[in-house]
Amino acid sequence: MPQQVPSVSVADLPEGAVLIDVREPDEWAAGHAPEAVHIPMGELAGRLEELPTDDPVYVVCRSGGRSARGTAFLNANGWDATNVDGGMKSWQAIGLPMVCDHPGEPEVL
């Protein structure tokens, strides 16, 4: 049975939420939330010291699969983490701001 993780829709993210983007570097460079912190999924266990311990964190990926695994890992290790359901695809679909690391328009890979 798959492990259930707390989830929130992009539209219901609290204002000022600490957003952790666990996508790969090329996905991040193509387009991400302006205030997000980039920690690729494969680096998450080794970079826990970069996460706040006093505030909840919200974990996002492209569509919600990797971020659900990251959320489960963080919760098992003492964080208050919530998965962002639908990921950056939903973020883009509802027109929330995005930035990219190259000239041109941001996109979700």
N, C-alpha and C. Protein backbone atom coordinates (compact mmCIF):
# COMPACT_ATOMS: atom_id res chain seq x y z
N MET A 1 0.84 -1.18 0.00
CA MET A 1 0.00 0.00 0.00
C MET A 1 0.88 1.25 0.00
N PRO A 2 0.67 2.19 -0.94
CA PRO A 2 1.49 3.39 -0.99
C PRO A 2 1.30 4.24 0.27
N GLN A 3 2.40 4.86 0.67
CA GLN A 3 2.34 5.73 1.84
C GLN A 3 1.61 7.02 1.50
N GLN A 4 0.67 7.40 2.36
CA GLN A 4 -0.05 8.65 2.16
C GLN A 4 0.78 9.80 2.71
N VAL A 5 0.84 10.88 1.96
CA VAL A 5 1.56 12.06 2.43
C VAL A 5 0.60 13.24 2.42
N PRO A 6 0.81 14.19 3.33
CA PRO A 6 -0.04 15.38 3.29
C PRO A 6 0.19 16.13 1.98
N SER A 7 -0.90 16.60 1.40
CA SER A 7 -0.82 17.31 0.12
C SER A 7 -1.68 18.56 0.15
N VAL A 8 -1.30 19.50 -0.68
CA VAL A 8 -2.05 20.73 -0.84
C VAL A 8 -2.03 21.08 -2.33
N SER A 9 -3.12 21.65 -2.82
CA SER A 9 -3.13 22.09 -4.22
C SER A 9 -2.31 23.37 -4.34
N VAL A 10 -1.85 23.64 -5.53
CA VAL A 10 -1.09 24.86 -5.78
C VAL A 10 -1.92 26.08 -5.38
N ALA A 11 -3.19 26.06 -5.70
CA ALA A 11 -4.06 27.20 -5.39
C ALA A 11 -4.21 27.44 -3.90
N ASP A 12 -4.01 26.39 -3.08
CA ASP A 12 -4.20 26.51 -1.64
C ASP A 12 -2.90 26.65 -0.85
N LEU A 13 -1.77 26.84 -1.55
CA LEU A 13 -0.51 27.06 -0.84
C LEU A 13 -0.61 28.31 0.02
N PRO A 14 -0.15 28.25 1.26
CA PRO A 14 -0.20 29.45 2.09
C PRO A 14 0.77 30.52 1.56
N GLU A 15 0.39 31.77 1.75
CA GLU A 15 1.26 32.87 1.34
C GLU A 15 2.56 32.80 2.11
N GLY A 16 3.67 32.98 1.42
CA GLY A 16 4.98 32.94 2.05
C GLY A 16 5.48 31.55 2.36
N ALA A 17 4.86 30.53 1.78
CA ALA A 17 5.27 29.14 2.04
C ALA A 17 6.72 28.92 1.63
N VAL A 18 7.45 28.11 2.40
CA VAL A 18 8.80 27.70 2.05
C VAL A 18 8.66 26.56 1.03
N LEU A 19 9.03 26.84 -0.22
CA LEU A 19 8.84 25.90 -1.32
C LEU A 19 10.18 25.28 -1.70
N ILE A 20 10.26 23.95 -1.64
CA ILE A 20 11.45 23.20 -2.00
C ILE A 20 11.18 22.50 -3.33
N ASP A 21 11.95 22.84 -4.36
CA ASP A 21 11.79 22.26 -5.69
C ASP A 21 12.81 21.13 -5.84
N VAL A 22 12.33 19.89 -6.00
CA VAL A 22 13.21 18.73 -6.05
C VAL A 22 13.48 18.23 -7.47
N ARG A 23 13.19 19.05 -8.47
CA ARG A 23 13.43 18.64 -9.85
C ARG A 23 14.92 18.71 -10.19
N GLU A 24 15.26 18.15 -11.33
CA GLU A 24 16.64 18.14 -11.81
C GLU A 24 17.06 19.54 -12.28
N PRO A 25 18.37 19.80 -12.35
CA PRO A 25 18.85 21.13 -12.72
C PRO A 25 18.30 21.67 -14.04
N ASP A 26 18.16 20.82 -15.07
CA ASP A 26 17.65 21.32 -16.35
C ASP A 26 16.17 21.71 -16.23
N GLU A 27 15.41 21.00 -15.42
CA GLU A 27 14.00 21.34 -15.21
C GLU A 27 13.90 22.67 -14.46
N TRP A 28 14.72 22.83 -13.43
CA TRP A 28 14.76 24.07 -12.64
C TRP A 28 15.11 25.25 -13.54
N ALA A 29 16.16 25.10 -14.35
CA ALA A 29 16.62 26.19 -15.21
C ALA A 29 15.55 26.63 -16.20
N ALA A 30 14.74 25.69 -16.66
CA ALA A 30 13.70 26.00 -17.65
C ALA A 30 12.58 26.85 -17.06
N GLY A 31 12.26 26.65 -15.79
CA GLY A 31 11.21 27.44 -15.17
C GLY A 31 10.90 26.97 -13.77
N HIS A 32 10.85 27.93 -12.84
CA HIS A 32 10.57 27.60 -11.44
C HIS A 32 9.88 28.76 -10.74
N ALA A 33 9.34 28.47 -9.59
CA ALA A 33 8.71 29.51 -8.77
C ALA A 33 9.79 30.48 -8.30
N PRO A 34 9.52 31.77 -8.31
CA PRO A 34 10.54 32.76 -7.99
C PRO A 34 11.19 32.60 -6.61
N GLU A 35 10.44 32.19 -5.62
CA GLU A 35 10.98 32.11 -4.26
C GLU A 35 11.39 30.70 -3.85
N ALA A 36 11.32 29.75 -4.76
CA ALA A 36 11.62 28.35 -4.42
C ALA A 36 13.11 28.15 -4.14
N VAL A 37 13.39 27.12 -3.35
CA VAL A 37 14.75 26.68 -3.08
C VAL A 37 14.96 25.39 -3.87
N HIS A 38 16.05 25.34 -4.63
CA HIS A 38 16.30 24.17 -5.48
C HIS A 38 17.20 23.17 -4.76
N ILE A 39 16.65 22.01 -4.46
CA ILE A 39 17.42 20.89 -3.92
C ILE A 39 16.94 19.64 -4.68
N PRO A 40 17.69 19.21 -5.71
CA PRO A 40 17.25 18.03 -6.47
C PRO A 40 17.01 16.83 -5.55
N MET A 41 16.06 16.00 -5.93
CA MET A 41 15.65 14.85 -5.13
C MET A 41 16.84 14.01 -4.69
N GLY A 42 17.77 13.75 -5.59
CA GLY A 42 18.93 12.94 -5.28
C GLY A 42 19.89 13.56 -4.27
N GLU A 43 19.75 14.87 -4.02
CA GLU A 43 20.61 15.57 -3.08
C GLU A 43 19.92 15.89 -1.76
N LEU A 44 18.64 15.58 -1.66
CA LEU A 44 17.84 16.00 -0.51
C LEU A 44 18.42 15.49 0.81
N ALA A 45 18.75 14.21 0.90
CA ALA A 45 19.25 13.64 2.16
C ALA A 45 20.55 14.30 2.61
N GLY A 46 21.37 14.73 1.68
CA GLY A 46 22.65 15.35 2.00
C GLY A 46 22.59 16.85 2.24
N ARG A 47 21.42 17.46 2.03
CA ARG A 47 21.32 18.91 2.16
C ARG A 47 20.25 19.33 3.16
N LEU A 48 19.93 18.47 4.09
CA LEU A 48 18.88 18.76 5.07
C LEU A 48 19.17 20.01 5.89
N GLU A 49 20.45 20.32 6.10
CA GLU A 49 20.80 21.50 6.90
C GLU A 49 20.34 22.80 6.24
N GLU A 50 20.00 22.76 4.96
CA GLU A 50 19.53 23.94 4.26
C GLU A 50 18.03 24.21 4.47
N LEU A 51 17.34 23.26 5.07
CA LEU A 51 15.90 23.40 5.28
C LEU A 51 15.60 24.02 6.63
N PRO A 52 14.57 24.86 6.68
CA PRO A 52 14.19 25.42 7.98
C PRO A 52 13.63 24.32 8.88
N THR A 53 13.91 24.42 10.16
CA THR A 53 13.40 23.42 11.08
C THR A 53 12.19 23.94 11.85
N ASP A 54 11.95 25.25 11.80
CA ASP A 54 10.86 25.86 12.56
C ASP A 54 9.61 26.13 11.73
N ASP A 55 9.71 26.01 10.41
CA ASP A 55 8.58 26.31 9.53
C ASP A 55 8.23 25.09 8.70
N PRO A 56 6.96 24.95 8.35
CA PRO A 56 6.61 23.86 7.43
C PRO A 56 7.25 24.11 6.06
N VAL A 57 7.52 23.04 5.35
CA VAL A 57 8.04 23.15 3.99
C VAL A 57 7.07 22.48 3.03
N TYR A 58 7.04 22.99 1.82
CA TYR A 58 6.17 22.47 0.77
C TYR A 58 7.07 22.01 -0.35
N VAL A 59 6.88 20.77 -0.79
CA VAL A 59 7.79 20.14 -1.74
C VAL A 59 7.09 20.04 -3.10
N VAL A 60 7.80 20.50 -4.16
CA VAL A 60 7.22 20.52 -5.49
C VAL A 60 8.17 19.87 -6.49
N CYS A 61 7.58 19.24 -7.51
CA CYS A 61 8.34 18.71 -8.65
C CYS A 61 7.55 19.05 -9.91
N ARG A 62 7.66 18.26 -10.94
CA ARG A 62 6.93 18.55 -12.18
C ARG A 62 5.43 18.31 -12.02
N SER A 63 5.08 17.11 -11.49
CA SER A 63 3.65 16.79 -11.40
C SER A 63 3.20 16.23 -10.06
N GLY A 64 4.13 15.95 -9.16
CA GLY A 64 3.74 15.52 -7.82
C GLY A 64 4.30 14.19 -7.35
N GLY A 65 4.89 13.38 -8.23
CA GLY A 65 5.41 12.08 -7.83
C GLY A 65 6.68 12.15 -7.02
N ARG A 66 7.69 12.82 -7.56
CA ARG A 66 8.95 12.95 -6.83
C ARG A 66 8.76 13.74 -5.55
N SER A 67 7.95 14.77 -5.62
CA SER A 67 7.74 15.59 -4.42
C SER A 67 7.01 14.80 -3.34
N ALA A 68 6.14 13.87 -3.71
CA ALA A 68 5.48 13.02 -2.71
C ALA A 68 6.51 12.15 -2.00
N ARG A 69 7.46 11.60 -2.74
CA ARG A 69 8.53 10.80 -2.12
C ARG A 69 9.41 11.68 -1.23
N GLY A 70 9.73 12.88 -1.69
CA GLY A 70 10.52 13.80 -0.88
C GLY A 70 9.79 14.21 0.38
N THR A 71 8.50 14.43 0.27
CA THR A 71 7.68 14.80 1.43
C THR A 71 7.67 13.67 2.45
N ALA A 72 7.49 12.44 2.00
CA ALA A 72 7.49 11.29 2.90
C ALA A 72 8.84 11.17 3.61
N PHE A 73 9.93 11.36 2.87
CA PHE A 73 11.26 11.30 3.46
C PHE A 73 11.44 12.38 4.53
N LEU A 74 11.07 13.61 4.20
CA LEU A 74 11.23 14.70 5.16
C LEU A 74 10.39 14.48 6.41
N ASN A 75 9.15 14.06 6.24
CA ASN A 75 8.29 13.81 7.40
C ASN A 75 8.86 12.69 8.28
N ALA A 76 9.43 11.67 7.66
CA ALA A 76 10.02 10.57 8.42
C ALA A 76 11.27 11.00 9.18
N ASN A 77 11.85 12.15 8.77
CA ASN A 77 13.07 12.63 9.39
C ASN A 77 12.85 13.90 10.22
N GLY A 78 11.60 14.15 10.61
CA GLY A 78 11.32 15.21 11.57
C GLY A 78 10.84 16.54 11.03
N TRP A 79 10.69 16.68 9.73
CA TRP A 79 10.18 17.94 9.18
C TRP A 79 8.67 17.90 9.08
N ASP A 80 8.09 19.06 9.03
CA ASP A 80 6.66 19.23 8.75
C ASP A 80 6.57 19.56 7.26
N ALA A 81 6.41 18.53 6.44
CA ALA A 81 6.45 18.71 4.99
C ALA A 81 5.12 18.34 4.35
N THR A 82 4.78 19.07 3.29
CA THR A 82 3.54 18.84 2.54
C THR A 82 3.87 18.80 1.06
N ASN A 83 3.29 17.85 0.36
CA ASN A 83 3.46 17.72 -1.08
C ASN A 83 2.59 18.75 -1.81
N VAL A 84 3.14 19.36 -2.85
CA VAL A 84 2.36 20.27 -3.70
C VAL A 84 1.77 19.43 -4.82
N ASP A 85 0.49 19.13 -4.69
CA ASP A 85 -0.23 18.26 -5.62
C ASP A 85 -0.29 18.91 -7.01
N GLY A 86 0.08 18.15 -8.02
CA GLY A 86 0.05 18.66 -9.39
C GLY A 86 1.33 19.36 -9.81
N GLY A 87 2.18 19.70 -8.85
CA GLY A 87 3.50 20.25 -9.13
C GLY A 87 3.52 21.51 -9.98
N MET A 88 4.65 21.70 -10.64
CA MET A 88 4.85 22.90 -11.44
C MET A 88 3.95 22.93 -12.67
N LYS A 89 3.46 21.78 -13.11
CA LYS A 89 2.49 21.77 -14.22
C LYS A 89 1.22 22.50 -13.78
N SER A 90 0.76 22.23 -12.56
CA SER A 90 -0.42 22.93 -12.04
C SER A 90 -0.11 24.39 -11.77
N TRP A 91 1.09 24.66 -11.26
CA TRP A 91 1.53 26.03 -10.99
C TRP A 91 1.40 26.87 -12.27
N GLN A 92 1.98 26.33 -13.36
CA GLN A 92 1.93 27.02 -14.65
C GLN A 92 0.50 27.13 -15.17
N ALA A 93 -0.30 26.07 -15.01
CA ALA A 93 -1.65 26.03 -15.54
C ALA A 93 -2.55 27.12 -14.94
N ILE A 94 -2.32 27.47 -13.67
CA ILE A 94 -3.16 28.51 -13.08
C ILE A 94 -2.53 29.89 -13.17
N GLY A 95 -1.39 29.98 -13.86
CA GLY A 95 -0.81 31.28 -14.17
C GLY A 95 -0.01 31.94 -13.05
N LEU A 96 0.52 31.13 -12.12
CA LEU A 96 1.35 31.73 -11.08
C LEU A 96 2.70 32.14 -11.67
N PRO A 97 3.38 33.10 -11.05
CA PRO A 97 4.64 33.60 -11.61
C PRO A 97 5.72 32.52 -11.67
N MET A 98 6.49 32.59 -12.74
CA MET A 98 7.62 31.69 -12.93
C MET A 98 8.79 32.50 -13.47
N VAL A 99 10.00 32.04 -13.16
CA VAL A 99 11.21 32.62 -13.70
C VAL A 99 12.05 31.49 -14.29
N CYS A 100 13.03 31.86 -15.13
CA CYS A 100 13.92 30.85 -15.70
C CYS A 100 15.35 31.38 -15.68
N ASP A 101 16.29 30.48 -15.95
CA ASP A 101 17.70 30.83 -15.90
C ASP A 101 18.29 31.08 -17.28
N HIS A 102 17.46 31.42 -18.24
CA HIS A 102 17.91 31.69 -19.60
C HIS A 102 17.01 32.75 -20.22
N PRO A 103 17.44 33.36 -21.33
CA PRO A 103 16.55 34.32 -22.00
C PRO A 103 15.29 33.62 -22.50
N GLY A 104 14.20 34.35 -22.52
CA GLY A 104 12.95 33.78 -23.02
C GLY A 104 11.96 33.50 -21.91
N GLU A 105 10.90 32.84 -22.29
CA GLU A 105 9.81 32.55 -21.36
C GLU A 105 10.08 31.28 -20.55
N PRO A 106 9.72 31.30 -19.27
CA PRO A 106 9.85 30.07 -18.48
C PRO A 106 8.88 29.00 -18.96
N GLU A 107 9.30 27.76 -18.80
CA GLU A 107 8.44 26.63 -19.16
C GLU A 107 8.67 25.50 -18.16
N VAL A 108 7.74 24.57 -18.12
CA VAL A 108 7.87 23.41 -17.26
C VAL A 108 8.24 22.21 -18.14
N LEU A 109 9.41 21.66 -17.88
CA LEU A 109 9.85 20.47 -18.63
C LEU A 109 9.30 19.22 -17.99
